[in-house]
Amino acid sequence: MKRYLAAAMLLLALSGCGSSGSSTQLYTTTEDFFAMDTYMSVDVSSEKSESAAEDMAVKIEQRVNQLDAALSRTQQAGDLYKLNHANGQPTEVSNDTYTALEKALEYAEMTNGAFDPTMAPLTDLWGIGTDNARVPAQSEIDEALTHVGYQNVKLLGNNQVQLLNGAQVDLGGIGKGYAGDIVHEMAESDTSDQWHVLARLSGNIEMYGGKTADSGTDNWNIGIADPDDNTDSIAVVSLRDGSVVTSGDYERFFEKDGKRYHHIFDPATGYPADSGLRGVTVIDPCSTKADALTTALFVMGLDKGMKFCEENEIAAVFITSDKQVYTTSETGDCTFEFLGEKKGYTYAE
């Protein structure tokens, strides 16, 4: 399964920039690392020195690894592991974990549970992305669903969290998005230099500062994957700052009796969402929000998802199973270029 993840990351790294008329000298370094169970990469450009760029890149890697420990539910020394094994007792967690939980519950409520951070029992049951992937019995799914529901997560203040009804938290649905926001904050708050940062956090792309310091027209160009060949793009979005996050049924999946079972679960059914979509991309200044919404919109499907986006002013791209590509009106705030015609896609403007 890691092959698919790596391919998707390389695709979205087609982040060439618009030509620049600036003569500003940039010093650029790239840091590759493994965190949050996937390969990541960050490009940092400094206008001061090569060593400054290298130092910032290392700081970003260290901070993302720190977040990995805070947001992973499998690391036994981590907050989520302790919370999930506290048998319903109030548990103190770190600031990062508590803040991420606050955000997760905010977006769960916003989407009426289409995004839900308590899907861990179903994730474990299906085992998608592991060597133990299988189609569970309906009775097993029904049992797991009795423990699912974001209302079972209680934030008690002072970093204290309580899980009710046997709930188990999994922040994998927003962890990389949260990391993207932290990377953005690091670049924005460090005024010792003029930073230009492109972070590829698997299917999450975070941008800061554009290609040059003095030209607002030099945007990053981010490819949106073709679900049938995720080493190629069916569209490109171009923007200077913000996040581009994609979720699709091609990222982690297995096949059984000719049917594909992917990792994006519908909290209402306990099965992989059968919504008629292959992929959803969200473009937003907040990477955590974009991360949660790609999952929620995939679960909602095209009609409900488009309506939700229009009501909430969300820039999104939907790819349907019959190769139709839809964009919301908010996508007009960035440059969108459709490339999928030769690959059999239709842009439904």
Protein backbone atom coordinates (compact mmCIF):
# COMPACT_ATOMS: atom_id res chain seq x y z
CA MET A 1 0.00 0.00 0.00
CA LYS A 2 2.88 2.39 0.63
CA ARG A 3 3.57 2.33 -3.12
CA TYR A 4 0.26 4.08 -3.74
CA LEU A 5 0.97 6.68 -1.07
CA ALA A 6 4.40 7.44 -2.44
CA ALA A 7 3.05 7.78 -5.97
CA ALA A 8 0.37 10.20 -4.86
CA MET A 9 2.91 12.32 -3.03
CA LEU A 10 5.19 12.46 -6.05
CA LEU A 11 2.30 13.51 -8.23
CA LEU A 12 1.31 16.36 -5.99
CA ALA A 13 4.92 17.40 -5.87
CA LEU A 14 4.54 18.61 -9.46
CA SER A 15 4.72 21.97 -7.81
CA GLY A 16 6.63 23.91 -10.34
CA CYS A 17 6.21 27.63 -10.04
CA GLY A 18 5.21 30.33 -12.43
CA SER A 19 8.05 32.16 -14.08
CA SER A 20 9.44 34.94 -11.97
CA GLY A 21 10.62 38.33 -13.00
CA SER A 22 12.30 38.83 -9.64
CA SER A 23 16.06 39.00 -9.24
CA THR A 24 15.87 38.07 -5.55
CA GLN A 25 18.56 35.55 -4.61
CA LEU A 26 17.05 32.44 -3.05
CA TYR A 27 18.83 29.67 -1.16
CA THR A 28 16.83 26.45 -1.31
CA THR A 29 17.08 23.12 0.47
CA THR A 30 14.93 19.99 0.52
CA GLU A 31 14.40 17.75 3.54
CA ASP A 32 12.92 14.26 3.03
CA PHE A 33 11.67 12.27 5.99
CA PHE A 34 9.19 9.64 7.17
CA ALA A 35 6.46 10.60 9.61
CA MET A 36 2.79 9.82 10.26
CA ASP A 37 3.26 6.50 8.47
CA THR A 38 4.14 8.10 5.14
CA TYR A 39 6.93 9.78 3.22
CA MET A 40 7.10 13.56 3.47
CA SER A 41 9.22 16.29 1.98
CA VAL A 42 9.67 20.01 2.57
CA ASP A 43 11.32 22.58 0.32
CA VAL A 44 12.50 25.72 2.12
CA SER A 45 13.91 28.81 0.43
CA SER A 46 15.62 31.60 2.33
CA GLU A 47 16.60 35.05 1.14
CA LYS A 48 19.35 35.15 3.76
CA SER A 49 21.54 32.06 3.42
CA GLU A 50 21.71 28.39 2.61
CA SER A 51 22.30 27.53 6.27
CA ALA A 52 19.15 29.43 7.25
CA ALA A 53 17.11 27.38 4.79
CA GLU A 54 18.64 24.16 6.07
CA ASP A 55 17.99 25.09 9.70
CA MET A 56 14.32 25.86 9.01
CA ALA A 57 13.85 22.61 7.08
CA VAL A 58 15.30 20.61 9.98
CA LYS A 59 13.09 22.47 12.47
CA ILE A 60 10.03 21.63 10.38
CA GLU A 61 11.00 17.95 10.25
CA GLN A 62 11.53 17.88 14.02
CA ARG A 63 8.20 19.60 14.68
CA VAL A 64 6.29 17.23 12.40
CA ASN A 65 7.86 14.26 14.16
CA GLN A 66 6.82 15.80 17.47
CA LEU A 67 3.26 16.03 16.15
CA ASP A 68 3.46 12.42 15.02
CA ALA A 69 4.06 11.37 18.61
CA ALA A 70 1.20 13.56 19.82
CA LEU A 71 -1.36 12.47 17.23
CA SER A 72 -0.52 8.81 16.66
CA ARG A 73 -2.77 6.26 18.33
CA THR A 74 -0.25 3.42 17.92
CA GLN A 75 2.74 4.90 19.76
CA GLN A 76 2.40 3.53 23.28
CA ALA A 77 4.04 6.57 24.85
CA GLY A 78 1.70 8.90 22.98
CA ASP A 79 -1.34 10.79 24.20
CA LEU A 80 -3.92 9.06 22.01
CA TYR A 81 -2.72 5.62 23.01
CA LYS A 82 -3.09 6.56 26.67
CA LEU A 83 -6.50 8.12 26.04
CA ASN A 84 -7.78 5.13 24.10
CA HIS A 85 -6.61 2.75 26.85
CA ALA A 86 -7.93 4.78 29.80
CA ASN A 87 -11.18 2.77 30.06
CA GLY A 88 -13.27 5.91 29.96
CA GLN A 89 -11.34 7.76 32.65
CA PRO A 90 -10.44 11.46 32.18
CA THR A 91 -6.96 11.69 30.69
CA GLU A 92 -4.56 14.60 30.41
CA VAL A 93 -3.10 15.13 26.95
CA SER A 94 -0.66 17.59 25.40
CA ASN A 95 -1.63 20.96 23.95
CA ASP A 96 -1.22 19.62 20.41
CA THR A 97 -3.45 16.63 21.05
CA TYR A 98 -6.11 18.68 22.80
CA THR A 99 -6.14 21.35 20.08
CA ALA A 100 -6.35 18.72 17.33
CA LEU A 101 -9.26 17.07 19.15
CA GLU A 102 -11.01 20.43 19.42
CA LYS A 103 -10.64 20.90 15.67
CA ALA A 104 -11.77 17.35 14.93
CA LEU A 105 -14.96 17.79 16.95
CA GLU A 106 -15.59 21.19 15.36
CA TYR A 107 -15.50 19.70 11.85
CA ALA A 108 -17.44 16.62 12.91
CA GLU A 109 -20.25 18.86 14.09
CA MET A 110 -19.94 21.10 11.03
CA THR A 111 -20.40 18.09 8.71
CA ASN A 112 -23.08 16.43 10.85
CA GLY A 113 -20.78 13.48 11.46
CA ALA A 114 -19.69 12.82 7.87
CA PHE A 115 -16.23 13.37 9.30
CA ASP A 116 -15.88 11.54 12.61
CA PRO A 117 -12.67 11.12 14.66
CA THR A 118 -13.98 7.99 16.46
CA MET A 119 -13.72 5.62 13.49
CA ALA A 120 -10.86 3.62 15.01
CA PRO A 121 -12.97 0.48 15.72
CA LEU A 122 -13.96 0.30 12.05
CA THR A 123 -10.46 1.09 10.81
CA ASP A 124 -9.07 -1.76 12.88
CA LEU A 125 -11.86 -4.12 11.86
CA TRP A 126 -11.34 -3.70 8.13
CA GLY A 127 -7.54 -3.47 8.31
CA ILE A 128 -7.28 -1.59 5.01
CA GLY A 129 -3.67 -0.66 4.32
CA THR A 130 -2.37 -3.61 6.34
CA ASP A 131 -1.64 -7.25 5.54
CA ASN A 132 -4.86 -8.19 7.37
CA ALA A 133 -7.37 -6.38 5.14
CA ARG A 134 -10.70 -8.20 4.98
CA VAL A 135 -14.45 -7.75 4.60
CA PRO A 136 -15.88 -8.15 8.12
CA ALA A 137 -19.15 -9.85 8.92
CA GLN A 138 -22.16 -7.57 9.27
CA SER A 139 -22.41 -8.49 12.95
CA GLU A 140 -18.84 -7.27 13.49
CA ILE A 141 -19.58 -3.99 11.73
CA ASP A 142 -22.74 -3.49 13.77
CA GLU A 143 -20.80 -4.06 16.99
CA ALA A 144 -18.06 -1.61 15.97
CA LEU A 145 -20.65 1.04 15.11
CA THR A 146 -22.00 0.99 18.67
CA HIS A 147 -18.72 2.64 19.74
CA VAL A 148 -18.59 5.21 16.91
CA GLY A 149 -19.85 8.76 17.39
CA TYR A 150 -17.98 12.00 17.92
CA GLN A 151 -20.42 12.87 20.72
CA ASN A 152 -18.58 10.27 22.81
CA VAL A 153 -15.52 12.54 23.03
CA LYS A 154 -15.74 14.98 25.95
CA LEU A 155 -13.32 17.87 26.26
CA LEU A 156 -13.22 18.75 29.94
CA GLY A 157 -10.85 21.71 29.81
CA ASN A 158 -7.27 21.99 31.10
CA ASN A 159 -6.20 19.42 28.48
CA GLN A 160 -8.43 16.76 30.08
CA VAL A 161 -10.33 14.43 27.72
CA GLN A 162 -12.80 11.63 28.42
CA LEU A 163 -14.06 8.94 26.04
CA LEU A 164 -17.52 7.49 26.62
CA ASN A 165 -19.23 4.32 25.40
CA GLY A 166 -16.00 2.53 24.52
CA ALA A 167 -15.07 5.15 21.91
CA GLN A 168 -11.60 5.13 20.39
CA VAL A 169 -10.10 8.22 18.78
CA ASP A 170 -8.16 8.21 15.51
CA LEU A 171 -6.83 11.58 14.31
CA GLY A 172 -5.40 10.20 11.08
CA GLY A 173 -8.12 12.09 9.20
CA ILE A 174 -6.72 15.48 10.20
CA GLY A 175 -3.20 14.79 11.48
CA LYS A 176 -1.37 15.78 8.29
CA GLY A 177 -3.63 18.79 7.91
CA TYR A 178 -2.83 19.89 11.44
CA ALA A 179 0.86 19.45 10.64
CA GLY A 180 0.42 21.61 7.54
CA ASP A 181 -1.02 24.44 9.62
CA ILE A 182 1.88 24.18 12.06
CA VAL A 183 4.39 24.39 9.18
CA HIS A 184 2.60 27.49 7.90
CA GLU A 185 2.67 29.08 11.37
CA MET A 186 6.38 28.36 11.72
CA ALA A 187 7.18 30.16 8.47
CA GLU A 188 4.82 33.03 9.18
CA SER A 189 5.93 33.67 12.76
CA ASP A 190 9.68 33.57 12.08
CA THR A 191 10.36 37.10 10.86
CA SER A 192 14.13 36.66 10.79
CA ASP A 193 13.89 35.83 7.09
CA GLN A 194 11.51 35.88 4.14
CA TRP A 195 10.57 32.22 3.83
CA HIS A 196 9.18 30.31 0.87
CA VAL A 197 7.97 26.87 1.92
CA LEU A 198 6.40 23.96 0.08
CA ALA A 199 5.58 21.00 2.35
CA ARG A 200 4.43 17.72 0.80
CA LEU A 201 2.80 15.77 3.61
CA SER A 202 1.56 12.79 1.59
CA GLY A 203 -1.72 13.93 -0.03
CA ASN A 204 -1.56 17.25 1.85
CA ILE A 205 0.31 20.13 0.27
CA GLU A 206 1.08 23.27 2.31
CA MET A 207 2.44 26.45 0.71
CA TYR A 208 3.81 29.66 2.14
CA GLY A 209 5.36 32.70 0.53
CA GLY A 210 5.14 31.70 -3.12
CA LYS A 211 8.24 31.29 -5.23
CA THR A 212 9.59 34.81 -4.75
CA ALA A 213 9.35 37.46 -2.08
CA ASP A 214 8.19 40.38 -4.19
CA SER A 215 5.88 38.93 -6.83
CA GLY A 216 2.34 37.96 -5.93
CA THR A 217 1.82 36.30 -9.31
CA ASP A 218 4.33 33.50 -8.88
CA ASN A 219 2.17 30.68 -7.55
CA TRP A 220 2.80 27.06 -6.79
CA ASN A 221 1.18 24.70 -9.32
CA ILE A 222 -0.28 21.61 -7.64
CA GLY A 223 -1.44 18.62 -9.63
CA ILE A 224 -4.71 16.82 -8.83
CA ALA A 225 -4.25 13.10 -9.32
CA ASP A 226 -5.96 10.99 -11.94
CA PRO A 227 -7.63 8.27 -9.84
CA ASP A 228 -6.85 5.71 -12.55
CA ASP A 229 -3.19 6.70 -12.75
CA ASN A 230 -2.08 8.68 -9.73
CA THR A 231 1.31 9.39 -11.27
CA ASP A 232 -0.46 11.78 -13.64
CA SER A 233 -2.71 14.83 -13.23
CA ILE A 234 -6.18 15.60 -14.54
CA ALA A 235 -6.06 19.21 -13.30
CA VAL A 236 -3.75 21.78 -11.76
CA VAL A 237 -4.56 24.43 -9.17
CA SER A 238 -2.28 27.41 -8.77
CA LEU A 239 -1.96 29.56 -5.66
CA ARG A 240 0.63 31.37 -3.59
CA ASP A 241 -0.29 30.45 -0.01
CA GLY A 242 -2.55 27.91 1.64
CA SER A 243 -3.23 24.20 1.43
CA VAL A 244 -4.38 21.71 -1.18
CA VAL A 245 -5.61 18.43 0.28
CA THR A 246 -6.86 15.39 -1.64
CA SER A 247 -8.60 12.20 -0.52
CA GLY A 248 -9.40 9.40 -2.93
CA ASP A 249 -10.40 5.76 -3.12
CA TYR A 250 -7.09 4.98 -4.86
CA GLU A 251 -4.90 5.86 -1.87
CA ARG A 252 -5.41 2.77 0.31
CA PHE A 253 -7.61 -0.10 -0.76
CA PHE A 254 -7.91 -3.81 -1.41
CA GLU A 255 -10.06 -5.84 -3.78
CA LYS A 256 -12.25 -8.82 -2.98
CA ASP A 257 -14.38 -10.69 -5.50
CA GLY A 258 -13.91 -7.88 -8.01
CA LYS A 259 -15.00 -5.10 -5.63
CA ARG A 260 -12.75 -2.35 -4.37
CA TYR A 261 -12.84 -1.54 -0.65
CA HIS A 262 -11.13 1.74 0.19
CA HIS A 263 -10.17 3.45 3.45
CA ILE A 264 -12.75 6.28 3.54
CA PHE A 265 -15.55 4.96 5.72
CA ASP A 266 -19.13 6.14 5.96
CA PRO A 267 -19.84 6.54 9.71
CA ALA A 268 -23.51 5.78 9.07
CA THR A 269 -22.94 2.35 7.51
CA GLY A 270 -19.52 1.17 8.69
CA TYR A 271 -18.57 0.40 5.07
CA PRO A 272 -16.26 2.26 2.68
CA ALA A 273 -18.29 5.19 1.38
CA ASP A 274 -20.21 4.28 -1.77
CA SER A 275 -20.85 7.84 -2.89
CA GLY A 276 -20.09 7.73 -6.59
CA LEU A 277 -16.84 9.67 -6.09
CA ARG A 278 -13.24 8.73 -6.82
CA GLY A 279 -11.58 11.77 -5.29
CA VAL A 280 -12.15 15.11 -3.58
CA THR A 281 -9.70 18.01 -3.33
CA VAL A 282 -10.19 20.99 -1.01
CA ILE A 283 -8.26 24.25 -1.35
CA ASP A 284 -8.31 26.28 1.85
CA PRO A 285 -6.10 28.54 3.99
CA CYS A 286 -6.63 26.07 6.88
CA SER A 287 -5.07 22.69 6.18
CA THR A 288 -6.75 20.98 9.14
CA LYS A 289 -10.14 22.06 7.84
CA ALA A 290 -9.31 20.97 4.31
CA ASP A 291 -8.15 17.57 5.56
CA ALA A 292 -11.36 16.91 7.48
CA LEU A 293 -13.56 18.18 4.67
CA THR A 294 -12.06 15.99 1.95
CA THR A 295 -13.19 12.98 3.98
CA ALA A 296 -16.60 14.44 4.76
CA LEU A 297 -17.29 15.52 1.19
CA PHE A 298 -16.27 12.12 -0.14
CA VAL A 299 -18.78 10.53 2.23
CA MET A 300 -21.51 13.03 1.31
CA GLY A 301 -21.20 12.44 -2.43
CA LEU A 302 -21.44 14.95 -5.26
CA ASP A 303 -24.85 16.55 -4.77
CA LYS A 304 -24.76 16.93 -0.99
CA GLY A 305 -21.08 17.80 -1.11
CA MET A 306 -21.51 20.56 -3.69
CA LYS A 307 -24.42 22.00 -1.71
CA PHE A 308 -22.39 21.91 1.50
CA CYS A 309 -19.49 23.69 -0.21
CA GLU A 310 -21.69 26.43 -1.63
CA GLU A 311 -23.35 27.00 1.76
CA ASN A 312 -19.98 27.14 3.54
CA GLU A 313 -17.89 28.84 0.83
CA ILE A 314 -15.55 25.89 0.31
CA ALA A 315 -13.26 25.62 -2.72
CA ALA A 316 -13.38 21.99 -3.83
CA VAL A 317 -12.87 19.70 -6.81
CA PHE A 318 -14.94 16.52 -7.15
CA ILE A 319 -14.02 13.59 -9.42
CA THR A 320 -16.86 11.13 -10.02
CA SER A 321 -16.70 7.45 -10.87
CA ASP A 322 -17.97 8.24 -14.39
CA LYS A 323 -15.04 10.61 -14.98
CA GLN A 324 -16.82 13.90 -14.47
CA VAL A 325 -14.92 16.75 -12.79
CA TYR A 326 -16.85 19.39 -10.87
CA THR A 327 -15.57 22.53 -9.15
CA THR A 328 -17.33 24.80 -6.67
CA SER A 329 -17.66 28.52 -7.22
CA GLU A 330 -15.04 29.27 -4.56
CA THR A 331 -12.42 27.51 -6.69
CA GLY A 332 -12.45 30.63 -8.84
CA ASP A 333 -10.33 32.35 -6.19
CA CYS A 334 -7.34 30.34 -7.42
CA THR A 335 -6.28 29.39 -10.93
CA PHE A 336 -7.74 26.04 -12.02
CA GLU A 337 -6.62 24.32 -15.21
CA PHE A 338 -8.38 21.19 -16.46
CA LEU A 339 -6.05 18.65 -18.11
CA GLY A 340 -8.15 15.52 -18.16
CA GLU A 341 -9.86 15.59 -21.55
CA LYS A 342 -7.32 13.33 -23.26
CA LYS A 343 -7.67 10.86 -20.40
CA GLY A 344 -11.43 10.59 -20.85
CA TYR A 345 -12.55 13.10 -18.21
CA THR A 346 -15.18 15.78 -18.74
CA TYR A 347 -15.08 19.13 -16.97
CA ALA A 348 -18.66 19.83 -15.88
CA GLU A 349 -18.37 23.61 -15.55
